[in-house]
Amino acid sequence: VQLQAFGGGFVQAGGSLRLSCAASGRTFSVDAMGWFRQAPGEERKFVAATRWSGGSTYYADFAKGRFTISRDNAKNTVYLQMNSLKPEDTAIYYCAAKGTTGTFRSWGQGTELTVSS
């Protein structure tokens, strides 16, 4: 599966932004897609994920109430709507995909978000 993430940019604190991740290739093998982020000097962290069918969603504590993950199966695209952005949300955001077993193994190239105070 190939993933292409886009939508990052510069946002002022309190603003909103939506990231998109388009999947191509062996999309029939995808069971879930997720977003992760990596801030400078930190490890990559889980942000949110959604099952490709059934609609179950999962969020990191810092994302609950501010971020919403959604998907468009027809477009093989996953979105991450981010509201009430904070400077600590500044990071490179990566989308990822996984099959029915194992961990996230397919990764997009990352899209950078900078939130200014």
PDB file of N, CA and C in Angstrom:
ATOM      1  N   VAL A   1       0.851  -1.200   0.000  1.00  0.00           N
ATOM      2  CA  VAL A   1       0.000   0.000   0.000  1.00  0.00           C
ATOM      3  C   VAL A   1       0.882   1.244   0.000  1.00  0.00           C
ATOM      4  N   GLN A   2       0.567   2.182  -0.869  1.00  0.00           N
ATOM      5  CA  GLN A   2       1.282   3.449  -0.903  1.00  0.00           C
ATOM      6  C   GLN A   2       0.391   4.526  -0.297  1.00  0.00           C
ATOM      7  N   LEU A   3       1.002   5.359   0.513  1.00  0.00           N
ATOM      8  CA  LEU A   3       0.258   6.402   1.201  1.00  0.00           C
ATOM      9  C   LEU A   3       0.863   7.759   0.900  1.00  0.00           C
ATOM     10  N   GLN A   4       0.013   8.718   0.652  1.00  0.00           N
ATOM     11  CA  GLN A   4       0.468  10.079   0.406  1.00  0.00           C
ATOM     12  C   GLN A   4      -0.312  11.020   1.296  1.00  0.00           C
ATOM     13  N   ALA A   5       0.407  11.660   2.207  1.00  0.00           N
ATOM     14  CA  ALA A   5      -0.209  12.601   3.135  1.00  0.00           C
ATOM     15  C   ALA A   5       0.036  14.026   2.674  1.00  0.00           C
ATOM     16  N   PHE A   6      -0.941  14.858   2.878  1.00  0.00           N
ATOM     17  CA  PHE A   6      -0.783  16.266   2.542  1.00  0.00           C
ATOM     18  C   PHE A   6      -1.757  17.089   3.370  1.00  0.00           C
ATOM     19  N   GLY A   7      -1.545  18.401   3.334  1.00  0.00           N
ATOM     20  CA  GLY A   7      -2.433  19.300   4.057  1.00  0.00           C
ATOM     21  C   GLY A   7      -1.768  20.055   5.184  1.00  0.00           C
ATOM     22  N   GLY A   8      -0.507  19.762   5.484  1.00  0.00           N
ATOM     23  CA  GLY A   8       0.176  20.479   6.549  1.00  0.00           C
ATOM     24  C   GLY A   8       0.414  21.931   6.185  1.00  0.00           C
ATOM     25  N   GLY A   9       0.881  22.688   7.165  1.00  0.00           N
ATOM     26  CA  GLY A   9       1.155  24.094   6.899  1.00  0.00           C
ATOM     27  C   GLY A   9       1.401  24.850   8.191  1.00  0.00           C
ATOM     28  N   PHE A  10       1.236  26.152   8.110  1.00  0.00           N
ATOM     29  CA  PHE A  10       1.427  27.045   9.257  1.00  0.00           C
ATOM     30  C   PHE A  10       0.069  27.529   9.729  1.00  0.00           C
ATOM     31  N   VAL A  11      -0.167  27.412  11.018  1.00  0.00           N
ATOM     32  CA  VAL A  11      -1.440  27.799  11.603  1.00  0.00           C
ATOM     33  C   VAL A  11      -1.173  28.529  12.924  1.00  0.00           C
ATOM     34  N   GLN A  12      -1.980  29.500  13.199  1.00  0.00           N
ATOM     35  CA  GLN A  12      -1.876  30.159  14.494  1.00  0.00           C
ATOM     36  C   GLN A  12      -2.571  29.328  15.564  1.00  0.00           C
ATOM     37  N   ALA A  13      -2.130  29.457  16.775  1.00  0.00           N
ATOM     38  CA  ALA A  13      -2.743  28.748  17.889  1.00  0.00           C
ATOM     39  C   ALA A  13      -4.237  29.054  17.931  1.00  0.00           C
ATOM     40  N   GLY A  14      -5.009  28.010  18.156  1.00  0.00           N
ATOM     41  CA  GLY A  14      -6.455  28.148  18.158  1.00  0.00           C
ATOM     42  C   GLY A  14      -7.100  27.865  16.823  1.00  0.00           C
ATOM     43  N   GLY A  15      -6.277  27.765  15.798  1.00  0.00           N
ATOM     44  CA  GLY A  15      -6.793  27.530  14.463  1.00  0.00           C
ATOM     45  C   GLY A  15      -7.067  26.069  14.187  1.00  0.00           C
ATOM     46  N   SER A  16      -7.471  25.796  12.958  1.00  0.00           N
ATOM     47  CA  SER A  16      -7.827  24.444  12.535  1.00  0.00           C
ATOM     48  C   SER A  16      -7.125  24.101  11.236  1.00  0.00           C
ATOM     49  N   LEU A  17      -6.988  22.806  11.024  1.00  0.00           N
ATOM     50  CA  LEU A  17      -6.380  22.330   9.787  1.00  0.00           C
ATOM     51  C   LEU A  17      -6.847  20.910   9.565  1.00  0.00           C
ATOM     52  N   ARG A  18      -6.965  20.519   8.305  1.00  0.00           N
ATOM     53  CA  ARG A  18      -7.329  19.145   7.991  1.00  0.00           C
ATOM     54  C   ARG A  18      -6.235  18.501   7.156  1.00  0.00           C
ATOM     55  N   LEU A  19      -5.777  17.371   7.628  1.00  0.00           N
ATOM     56  CA  LEU A  19      -4.804  16.580   6.887  1.00  0.00           C
ATOM     57  C   LEU A  19      -5.533  15.490   6.113  1.00  0.00           C
ATOM     58  N   SER A  20      -4.960  15.125   4.989  1.00  0.00           N
ATOM     59  CA  SER A  20      -5.524  14.053   4.175  1.00  0.00           C
ATOM     60  C   SER A  20      -4.449  13.025   3.895  1.00  0.00           C
ATOM     61  N   CYS A  21      -4.877  11.796   3.730  1.00  0.00           N
ATOM     62  CA  CYS A  21      -3.957  10.723   3.382  1.00  0.00           C
ATOM     63  C   CYS A  21      -4.644   9.819   2.376  1.00  0.00           C
ATOM     64  N   ALA A  22      -4.099   9.773   1.185  1.00  0.00           N
ATOM     65  CA  ALA A  22      -4.664   8.954   0.124  1.00  0.00           C
ATOM     66  C   ALA A  22      -3.891   7.649   0.002  1.00  0.00           C
ATOM     67  N   ALA A  23      -4.614   6.547  -0.030  1.00  0.00           N
ATOM     68  CA  ALA A  23      -4.004   5.231  -0.158  1.00  0.00           C
ATOM     69  C   ALA A  23      -4.190   4.709  -1.577  1.00  0.00           C
ATOM     70  N   SER A  24      -3.180   4.009  -2.064  1.00  0.00           N
ATOM     71  CA  SER A  24      -3.267   3.391  -3.379  1.00  0.00           C
ATOM     72  C   SER A  24      -2.557   2.047  -3.323  1.00  0.00           C
ATOM     73  N   GLY A  25      -2.745   1.280  -4.370  1.00  0.00           N
ATOM     74  CA  GLY A  25      -2.117  -0.038  -4.406  1.00  0.00           C
ATOM     75  C   GLY A  25      -3.038  -1.083  -3.808  1.00  0.00           C
ATOM     76  N   ARG A  26      -2.502  -1.928  -2.940  1.00  0.00           N
ATOM     77  CA  ARG A  26      -3.242  -3.046  -2.361  1.00  0.00           C
ATOM     78  C   ARG A  26      -4.140  -2.590  -1.223  1.00  0.00           C
ATOM     79  N   THR A  27      -5.036  -1.666  -1.532  1.00  0.00           N
ATOM     80  CA  THR A  27      -5.897  -1.110  -0.485  1.00  0.00           C
ATOM     81  C   THR A  27      -6.873  -2.136   0.079  1.00  0.00           C
ATOM     82  N   PHE A  28      -7.114  -3.212  -0.671  1.00  0.00           N
ATOM     83  CA  PHE A  28      -8.026  -4.232  -0.167  1.00  0.00           C
ATOM     84  C   PHE A  28      -7.450  -4.928   1.061  1.00  0.00           C
ATOM     85  N   SER A  29      -6.154  -4.801   1.257  1.00  0.00           N
ATOM     86  CA  SER A  29      -5.512  -5.449   2.404  1.00  0.00           C
ATOM     87  C   SER A  29      -5.532  -4.588   3.665  1.00  0.00           C
ATOM     88  N   VAL A  30      -6.033  -3.358   3.539  1.00  0.00           N
ATOM     89  CA  VAL A  30      -5.999  -2.436   4.667  1.00  0.00           C
ATOM     90  C   VAL A  30      -7.157  -2.703   5.623  1.00  0.00           C
ATOM     91  N   ASP A  31      -6.841  -2.850   6.894  1.00  0.00           N
ATOM     92  CA  ASP A  31      -7.871  -3.014   7.915  1.00  0.00           C
ATOM     93  C   ASP A  31      -8.060  -1.736   8.727  1.00  0.00           C
ATOM     94  N   ALA A  32      -7.001  -0.973   8.865  1.00  0.00           N
ATOM     95  CA  ALA A  32      -7.079   0.270   9.631  1.00  0.00           C
ATOM     96  C   ALA A  32      -6.045   1.256   9.118  1.00  0.00           C
ATOM     97  N   MET A  33      -6.346   2.513   9.292  1.00  0.00           N
ATOM     98  CA  MET A  33      -5.383   3.570   8.961  1.00  0.00           C
ATOM     99  C   MET A  33      -5.294   4.514  10.142  1.00  0.00           C
ATOM    100  N   GLY A  34      -4.137   5.091  10.287  1.00  0.00           N
ATOM    101  CA  GLY A  34      -3.939   5.956  11.438  1.00  0.00           C
ATOM    102  C   GLY A  34      -3.031   7.126  11.140  1.00  0.00           C
ATOM    103  N   TRP A  35      -2.973   8.006  12.102  1.00  0.00           N
ATOM    104  CA  TRP A  35      -2.075   9.160  12.048  1.00  0.00           C
ATOM    105  C   TRP A  35      -1.145   9.101  13.244  1.00  0.00           C
ATOM    106  N   PHE A  36       0.085   9.423  12.979  1.00  0.00           N
ATOM    107  CA  PHE A  36       1.108   9.526  14.009  1.00  0.00           C
ATOM    108  C   PHE A  36       1.793  10.870  13.832  1.00  0.00           C
ATOM    109  N   ARG A  37       2.515  11.298  14.847  1.00  0.00           N
ATOM    110  CA  ARG A  37       3.254  12.551  14.702  1.00  0.00           C
ATOM    111  C   ARG A  37       4.590  12.453  15.411  1.00  0.00           C
ATOM    112  N   GLN A  38       5.526  13.227  14.910  1.00  0.00           N
ATOM    113  CA  GLN A  38       6.845  13.270  15.506  1.00  0.00           C
ATOM    114  C   GLN A  38       7.296  14.713  15.613  1.00  0.00           C
ATOM    115  N   ALA A  39       7.421  15.162  16.834  1.00  0.00           N
ATOM    116  CA  ALA A  39       7.905  16.521  17.094  1.00  0.00           C
ATOM    117  C   ALA A  39       9.427  16.504  17.143  1.00  0.00           C
ATOM    118  N   PRO A  40      10.049  17.635  16.928  1.00  0.00           N
ATOM    119  CA  PRO A  40      11.519  17.695  16.959  1.00  0.00           C
ATOM    120  C   PRO A  40      12.081  17.149  18.258  1.00  0.00           C
ATOM    121  N   GLY A  41      13.011  16.225  18.146  1.00  0.00           N
ATOM    122  CA  GLY A  41      13.649  15.665  19.327  1.00  0.00           C
ATOM    123  C   GLY A  41      12.842  14.642  20.079  1.00  0.00           C
ATOM    124  N   GLU A  42      11.687  14.274  19.531  1.00  0.00           N
ATOM    125  CA  GLU A  42      10.839  13.311  20.223  1.00  0.00           C
ATOM    126  C   GLU A  42      10.603  12.084  19.360  1.00  0.00           C
ATOM    127  N   GLU A  43      10.109  11.031  19.992  1.00  0.00           N
ATOM    128  CA  GLU A  43       9.761   9.832  19.266  1.00  0.00           C
ATOM    129  C   GLU A  43       8.412  10.013  18.577  1.00  0.00           C
ATOM    130  N   ARG A  44       8.198   9.181  17.559  1.00  0.00           N
ATOM    131  CA  ARG A  44       6.922   9.208  16.877  1.00  0.00           C
ATOM    132  C   ARG A  44       5.829   8.716  17.827  1.00  0.00           C
ATOM    133  N   LYS A  45       4.690   9.403  17.834  1.00  0.00           N
ATOM    134  CA  LYS A  45       3.600   9.057  18.734  1.00  0.00           C
ATOM    135  C   LYS A  45       2.302   8.836  17.977  1.00  0.00           C
ATOM    136  N   PHE A  46       1.501   7.969  18.497  1.00  0.00           N
ATOM    137  CA  PHE A  46       0.185   7.706  17.941  1.00  0.00           C
ATOM    138  C   PHE A  46      -0.728   8.908  18.165  1.00  0.00           C
ATOM    139  N   VAL A  47      -1.522   9.230  17.155  1.00  0.00           N
ATOM    140  CA  VAL A  47      -2.481  10.322  17.266  1.00  0.00           C
ATOM    141  C   VAL A  47      -3.920   9.789  17.217  1.00  0.00           C
ATOM    142  N   ALA A  48      -4.237   9.082  16.145  1.00  0.00           N
ATOM    143  CA  ALA A  48      -5.594   8.581  15.955  1.00  0.00           C
ATOM    144  C   ALA A  48      -5.583   7.479  14.913  1.00  0.00           C
ATOM    145  N   ALA A  49      -6.623   6.643  14.953  1.00  0.00           N
ATOM    146  CA  ALA A  49      -6.746   5.582  13.964  1.00  0.00           C
ATOM    147  C   ALA A  49      -8.211   5.267  13.743  1.00  0.00           C
ATOM    148  N   THR A  50      -8.488   4.682  12.595  1.00  0.00           N
ATOM    149  CA  THR A  50      -9.847   4.274  12.280  1.00  0.00           C
ATOM    150  C   THR A  50      -9.825   2.945  11.555  1.00  0.00           C
ATOM    151  N   ARG A  51     -10.779   2.097  11.867  1.00  0.00           N
ATOM    152  CA  ARG A  51     -10.927   0.864  11.122  1.00  0.00           C
ATOM    153  C   ARG A  51     -11.500   1.191   9.748  1.00  0.00           C
ATOM    154  N   TRP A  52     -11.076   0.449   8.744  1.00  0.00           N
ATOM    155  CA  TRP A  52     -11.534   0.742   7.393  1.00  0.00           C
ATOM    156  C   TRP A  52     -13.008   0.394   7.219  1.00  0.00           C
ATOM    157  N   SER A  53     -13.473  -0.589   7.948  1.00  0.00           N
ATOM    158  CA  SER A  53     -14.891  -0.929   7.931  1.00  0.00           C
ATOM    159  C   SER A  53     -15.387  -0.946   9.363  1.00  0.00           C
ATOM    160  N   GLY A  54     -16.626  -0.567   9.554  1.00  0.00           N
ATOM    161  CA  GLY A  54     -17.179  -0.559  10.898  1.00  0.00           C
ATOM    162  C   GLY A  54     -17.110   0.779  11.590  1.00  0.00           C
ATOM    163  N   GLY A  55     -16.112   1.593  11.223  1.00  0.00           N
ATOM    164  CA  GLY A  55     -16.081   2.948  11.737  1.00  0.00           C
ATOM    165  C   GLY A  55     -15.479   3.162  13.106  1.00  0.00           C
ATOM    166  N   SER A  56     -14.927   2.139  13.712  1.00  0.00           N
ATOM    167  CA  SER A  56     -14.318   2.344  15.039  1.00  0.00           C
ATOM    168  C   SER A  56     -13.159   3.327  14.934  1.00  0.00           C
ATOM    169  N   THR A  57     -13.078   4.207  15.911  1.00  0.00           N
ATOM    170  CA  THR A  57     -11.995   5.181  15.950  1.00  0.00           C
ATOM    171  C   THR A  57     -11.294   5.130  17.296  1.00  0.00           C
ATOM    172  N   TYR A  58     -10.035   5.531  17.286  1.00  0.00           N
ATOM    173  CA  TYR A  58      -9.199   5.497  18.472  1.00  0.00           C
ATOM    174  C   TYR A  58      -8.368   6.769  18.501  1.00  0.00           C
ATOM    175  N   TYR A  59      -8.190   7.328  19.694  1.00  0.00           N
ATOM    176  CA  TYR A  59      -7.475   8.584  19.823  1.00  0.00           C
ATOM    177  C   TYR A  59      -6.489   8.542  20.981  1.00  0.00           C
ATOM    178  N   ALA A  60      -5.390   9.233  20.811  1.00  0.00           N
ATOM    179  CA  ALA A  60      -4.507   9.502  21.935  1.00  0.00           C
ATOM    180  C   ALA A  60      -5.206  10.508  22.840  1.00  0.00           C
ATOM    181  N   ASP A  61      -4.833  10.500  24.093  1.00  0.00           N
ATOM    182  CA  ASP A  61      -5.501  11.397  25.048  1.00  0.00           C
ATOM    183  C   ASP A  61      -5.408  12.854  24.613  1.00  0.00           C
ATOM    184  N   PHE A  62      -4.272  13.261  24.084  1.00  0.00           N
ATOM    185  CA  PHE A  62      -4.106  14.670  23.717  1.00  0.00           C
ATOM    186  C   PHE A  62      -4.965  15.056  22.514  1.00  0.00           C
ATOM    187  N   ALA A  63      -5.427  14.056  21.778  1.00  0.00           N
ATOM    188  CA  ALA A  63      -6.217  14.320  20.579  1.00  0.00           C
ATOM    189  C   ALA A  63      -7.727  14.316  20.850  1.00  0.00           C
ATOM    190  N   LYS A  64      -8.123  13.698  21.911  1.00  0.00           N
ATOM    191  CA  LYS A  64      -9.548  13.580  22.209  1.00  0.00           C
ATOM    192  C   LYS A  64     -10.177  14.964  22.406  1.00  0.00           C
ATOM    193  N   GLY A  65     -11.284  15.174  21.733  1.00  0.00           N
ATOM    194  CA  GLY A  65     -11.999  16.433  21.849  1.00  0.00           C
ATOM    195  C   GLY A  65     -11.529  17.520  20.916  1.00  0.00           C
ATOM    196  N   ARG A  66     -10.337  17.358  20.330  1.00  0.00           N
ATOM    197  CA  ARG A  66      -9.819  18.367  19.415  1.00  0.00           C
ATOM    198  C   ARG A  66      -9.619  17.824  17.999  1.00  0.00           C
ATOM    199  N   PHE A  67      -9.252  16.580  17.892  1.00  0.00           N
ATOM    200  CA  PHE A  67      -8.972  15.983  16.591  1.00  0.00           C
ATOM    201  C   PHE A  67     -10.073  14.980  16.244  1.00  0.00           C
ATOM    202  N   THR A  68     -10.387  14.889  14.974  1.00  0.00           N
ATOM    203  CA  THR A  68     -11.356  13.908  14.503  1.00  0.00           C
ATOM    204  C   THR A  68     -10.790  13.197  13.281  1.00  0.00           C
ATOM    205  N   ILE A  69     -10.750  11.877  13.347  1.00  0.00           N
ATOM    206  CA  ILE A  69     -10.307  11.092  12.196  1.00  0.00           C
ATOM    207  C   ILE A  69     -11.542  10.591  11.469  1.00  0.00           C
ATOM    208  N   SER A  70     -11.492  10.636  10.168  1.00  0.00           N
ATOM    209  CA  SER A  70     -12.598  10.151   9.355  1.00  0.00           C
ATOM    210  C   SER A  70     -12.038   9.534   8.084  1.00  0.00           C
ATOM    211  N   ARG A  71     -12.899   8.864   7.354  1.00  0.00           N
ATOM    212  CA  ARG A  71     -12.401   8.198   6.144  1.00  0.00           C
ATOM    213  C   ARG A  71     -13.446   8.298   5.052  1.00  0.00           C
ATOM    214  N   ASP A  72     -12.995   8.200   3.838  1.00  0.00           N
ATOM    215  CA  ASP A  72     -13.853   8.125   2.672  1.00  0.00           C
ATOM    216  C   ASP A  72     -13.410   6.871   1.925  1.00  0.00           C
ATOM    217  N   ASN A  73     -14.139   5.793   2.128  1.00  0.00           N
ATOM    218  CA  ASN A  73     -13.738   4.517   1.531  1.00  0.00           C
ATOM    219  C   ASN A  73     -13.706   4.577   0.006  1.00  0.00           C
ATOM    220  N   ALA A  74     -14.626   5.326  -0.566  1.00  0.00           N
ATOM    221  CA  ALA A  74     -14.685   5.403  -2.026  1.00  0.00           C
ATOM    222  C   ALA A  74     -13.430   6.055  -2.590  1.00  0.00           C
ATOM    223  N   LYS A  75     -12.845   6.960  -1.824  1.00  0.00           N
ATOM    224  CA  LYS A  75     -11.641   7.660  -2.270  1.00  0.00           C
ATOM    225  C   LYS A  75     -10.382   7.070  -1.656  1.00  0.00           C
ATOM    226  N   ASN A  76     -10.535   6.033  -0.843  1.00  0.00           N
ATOM    227  CA  ASN A  76      -9.376   5.445  -0.151  1.00  0.00           C
ATOM    228  C   ASN A  76      -8.575   6.526   0.571  1.00  0.00           C
ATOM    229  N   THR A  77      -9.279   7.400   1.239  1.00  0.00           N
ATOM    230  CA  THR A  77      -8.639   8.546   1.875  1.00  0.00           C
ATOM    231  C   THR A  77      -9.068   8.649   3.329  1.00  0.00           C
ATOM    232  N   VAL A  78      -8.121   8.973   4.169  1.00  0.00           N
ATOM    233  CA  VAL A  78      -8.371   9.222   5.573  1.00  0.00           C
ATOM    234  C   VAL A  78      -8.034  10.669   5.876  1.00  0.00           C
ATOM    235  N   TYR A  79      -8.821  11.271   6.732  1.00  0.00           N
ATOM    236  CA  TYR A  79      -8.632  12.667   7.081  1.00  0.00           C
ATOM    237  C   TYR A  79      -8.363  12.798   8.583  1.00  0.00           C
ATOM    238  N   LEU A  80      -7.690  13.856   8.935  1.00  0.00           N
ATOM    239  CA  LEU A  80      -7.528  14.209  10.337  1.00  0.00           C
ATOM    240  C   LEU A  80      -7.870  15.687  10.475  1.00  0.00           C
ATOM    241  N   GLN A  81      -9.032  15.938  11.032  1.00  0.00           N
ATOM    242  CA  GLN A  81      -9.454  17.312  11.292  1.00  0.00           C
ATOM    243  C   GLN A  81      -8.916  17.712  12.657  1.00  0.00           C
ATOM    244  N   MET A  82      -8.156  18.773  12.685  1.00  0.00           N
ATOM    245  CA  MET A  82      -7.535  19.227  13.931  1.00  0.00           C
ATOM    246  C   MET A  82      -8.034  20.623  14.258  1.00  0.00           C
ATOM    247  N   ASN A  83      -8.633  20.760  15.411  1.00  0.00           N
ATOM    248  CA  ASN A  83      -9.172  22.036  15.870  1.00  0.00           C
ATOM    249  C   ASN A  83      -8.462  22.476  17.148  1.00  0.00           C
ATOM    250  N   SER A  84      -8.632  23.712  17.485  1.00  0.00           N
ATOM    251  CA  SER A  84      -8.033  24.272  18.705  1.00  0.00           C
ATOM    252  C   SER A  84      -6.551  23.916  18.799  1.00  0.00           C
ATOM    253  N   LEU A  85      -5.855  24.146  17.726  1.00  0.00           N
ATOM    254  CA  LEU A  85      -4.454  23.749  17.663  1.00  0.00           C
ATOM    255  C   LEU A  85      -3.608  24.533  18.647  1.00  0.00           C
ATOM    256  N   LYS A  86      -2.600  23.855  19.165  1.00  0.00           N
ATOM    257  CA  LYS A  86      -1.687  24.426  20.145  1.00  0.00           C
ATOM    258  C   LYS A  86      -0.264  24.343  19.589  1.00  0.00           C
ATOM    259  N   PRO A  87       0.619  25.197  20.079  1.00  0.00           N
ATOM    260  CA  PRO A  87       2.018  25.120  19.613  1.00  0.00           C
ATOM    261  C   PRO A  87       2.615  23.730  19.810  1.00  0.00           C
ATOM    262  N   GLU A  88       2.201  23.010  20.844  1.00  0.00           N
ATOM    263  CA  GLU A  88       2.744  21.670  21.082  1.00  0.00           C
ATOM    264  C   GLU A  88       2.247  20.640  20.075  1.00  0.00           C
ATOM    265  N   ASP A  89       1.319  21.027  19.214  1.00  0.00           N
ATOM    266  CA  ASP A  89       0.896  20.142  18.135  1.00  0.00           C
ATOM    267  C   ASP A  89       1.855  20.210  16.948  1.00  0.00           C
ATOM    268  N   THR A  90       2.799  21.116  17.004  1.00  0.00           N
ATOM    269  CA  THR A  90       3.791  21.233  15.937  1.00  0.00           C
ATOM    270  C   THR A  90       4.564  19.933  15.802  1.00  0.00           C
ATOM    271  N   ALA A  91       4.551  19.373  14.606  1.00  0.00           N
ATOM    272  CA  ALA A  91       5.194  18.092  14.367  1.00  0.00           C
ATOM    273  C   ALA A  91       5.067  17.736  12.897  1.00  0.00           C
ATOM    274  N   ILE A  92       5.754  16.699  12.533  1.00  0.00           N
ATOM    275  CA  ILE A  92       5.517  16.081  11.226  1.00  0.00           C
ATOM    276  C   ILE A  92       4.475  14.995  11.450  1.00  0.00           C
ATOM    277  N   TYR A  93       3.435  15.023  10.667  1.00  0.00           N
ATOM    278  CA  TYR A  93       2.343  14.066  10.804  1.00  0.00           C
ATOM    279  C   TYR A  93       2.460  13.019   9.701  1.00  0.00           C
ATOM    280  N   TYR A  94       2.393  11.778  10.124  1.00  0.00           N
ATOM    281  CA  TYR A  94       2.501  10.653   9.205  1.00  0.00           C
ATOM    282  C   TYR A  94       1.203   9.849   9.229  1.00  0.00           C
ATOM    283  N   CYS A  95       0.783   9.400   8.061  1.00  0.00           N
ATOM    284  CA  CYS A  95      -0.312   8.450   8.040  1.00  0.00           C
ATOM    285  C   CYS A  95       0.273   7.058   7.828  1.00  0.00           C
ATOM    286  N   ALA A  96      -0.467   6.077   8.294  1.00  0.00           N
ATOM    287  CA  ALA A  96       0.003   4.705   8.239  1.00  0.00           C
ATOM    288  C   ALA A  96      -1.173   3.761   8.043  1.00  0.00           C
ATOM    289  N   ALA A  97      -0.872   2.590   7.548  1.00  0.00           N
ATOM    290  CA  ALA A  97      -1.905   1.591   7.304  1.00  0.00           C
ATOM    291  C   ALA A  97      -1.448   0.241   7.844  1.00  0.00           C
ATOM    292  N   LYS A  98      -2.415  -0.567   8.229  1.00  0.00           N
ATOM    293  CA  LYS A  98      -2.111  -1.902   8.716  1.00  0.00           C
ATOM    294  C   LYS A  98      -3.150  -2.883   8.215  1.00  0.00           C
ATOM    295  N   GLY A  99      -2.750  -4.134   8.187  1.00  0.00           N
ATOM    296  CA  GLY A  99      -3.681  -5.192   7.843  1.00  0.00           C
ATOM    297  C   GLY A  99      -4.423  -5.664   9.074  1.00  0.00           C
ATOM    298  N   THR A 100      -4.995  -6.835   8.987  1.00  0.00           N
ATOM    299  CA  THR A 100      -5.794  -7.356  10.088  1.00  0.00           C
ATOM    300  C   THR A 100      -4.940  -7.834  11.249  1.00  0.00           C
ATOM    301  N   THR A 101      -3.692  -8.070  11.012  1.00  0.00           N
ATOM    302  CA  THR A 101      -2.802  -8.491  12.093  1.00  0.00           C
ATOM    303  C   THR A 101      -1.557  -7.625  12.084  1.00  0.00           C
ATOM    304  N   GLY A 102      -0.859  -7.636  13.181  1.00  0.00           N
ATOM    305  CA  GLY A 102       0.407  -6.917  13.244  1.00  0.00           C
ATOM    306  C   GLY A 102       0.234  -5.429  13.467  1.00  0.00           C
ATOM    307  N   THR A 103       1.309  -4.727  13.217  1.00  0.00           N
ATOM    308  CA  THR A 103       1.347  -3.293  13.472  1.00  0.00           C
ATOM    309  C   THR A 103       1.227  -2.505  12.167  1.00  0.00           C
ATOM    310  N   PHE A 104       1.240  -1.184  12.305  1.00  0.00           N
ATOM    311  CA  PHE A 104       1.233  -0.325  11.121  1.00  0.00           C
ATOM    312  C   PHE A 104       2.556  -0.522  10.385  1.00  0.00           C
ATOM    313  N   ARG A 105       2.444  -0.924   9.124  1.00  0.00           N
ATOM    314  CA  ARG A 105       3.650  -1.236   8.373  1.00  0.00           C
ATOM    315  C   ARG A 105       3.845  -0.367   7.150  1.00  0.00           C
ATOM    316  N   SER A 106       2.777   0.221   6.654  1.00  0.00           N
ATOM    317  CA  SER A 106       2.881   1.098   5.500  1.00  0.00           C
ATOM    318  C   SER A 106       2.800   2.538   5.980  1.00  0.00           C
ATOM    319  N   TRP A 107       3.761   3.348   5.516  1.00  0.00           N
ATOM    320  CA  TRP A 107       3.851   4.722   6.005  1.00  0.00           C
ATOM    321  C   TRP A 107       3.910   5.701   4.850  1.00  0.00           C
ATOM    322  N   GLY A 108       3.262   6.833   5.047  1.00  0.00           N
ATOM    323  CA  GLY A 108       3.359   7.919   4.100  1.00  0.00           C
ATOM    324  C   GLY A 108       4.605   8.740   4.377  1.00  0.00           C
ATOM    325  N   GLN A 109       4.827   9.764   3.571  1.00  0.00           N
ATOM    326  CA  GLN A 109       6.057  10.540   3.656  1.00  0.00           C
ATOM    327  C   GLN A 109       6.028  11.609   4.733  1.00  0.00           C
ATOM    328  N   GLY A 110       4.875  11.887   5.313  1.00  0.00           N
ATOM    329  CA  GLY A 110       4.793  12.897   6.355  1.00  0.00           C
ATOM    330  C   GLY A 110       4.439  14.259   5.796  1.00  0.00           C
ATOM    331  N   THR A 111       3.689  14.996   6.577  1.00  0.00           N
ATOM    332  CA  THR A 111       3.353  16.375   6.225  1.00  0.00           C
ATOM    333  C   THR A 111       3.525  17.213   7.487  1.00  0.00           C
ATOM    334  N   GLU A 112       4.140  18.360   7.339  1.00  0.00           N
ATOM    335  CA  GLU A 112       4.572  19.135   8.496  1.00  0.00           C
ATOM    336  C   GLU A 112       3.553  20.184   8.903  1.00  0.00           C
ATOM    337  N   LEU A 113       3.296  20.223  10.192  1.00  0.00           N
ATOM    338  CA  LEU A 113       2.407  21.228  10.769  1.00  0.00           C
ATOM    339  C   LEU A 113       3.198  22.081  11.740  1.00  0.00           C
ATOM    340  N   THR A 114       3.075  23.374  11.599  1.00  0.00           N
ATOM    341  CA  THR A 114       3.670  24.312  12.541  1.00  0.00           C
ATOM    342  C   THR A 114       2.572  25.192  13.100  1.00  0.00           C
ATOM    343  N   VAL A 115       2.448  25.206  14.410  1.00  0.00           N
ATOM    344  CA  VAL A 115       1.454  26.021  15.083  1.00  0.00           C
ATOM    345  C   VAL A 115       2.181  27.125  15.839  1.00  0.00           C
ATOM    346  N   SER A 116       1.909  28.340  15.474  1.00  0.00           N
ATOM    347  CA  SER A 116       2.575  29.476  16.106  1.00  0.00           C
ATOM    348  C   SER A 116       1.732  30.011  17.255  1.00  0.00           C
ATOM    349  N   SER A 117       2.425  30.502  18.264  1.00  0.00           N
ATOM    350  CA  SER A 117       1.721  31.019  19.447  1.00  0.00           C
ATOM    351  C   SER A 117       1.368  32.483  19.278  1.00  0.00           C
TER     352      SER A 117
END
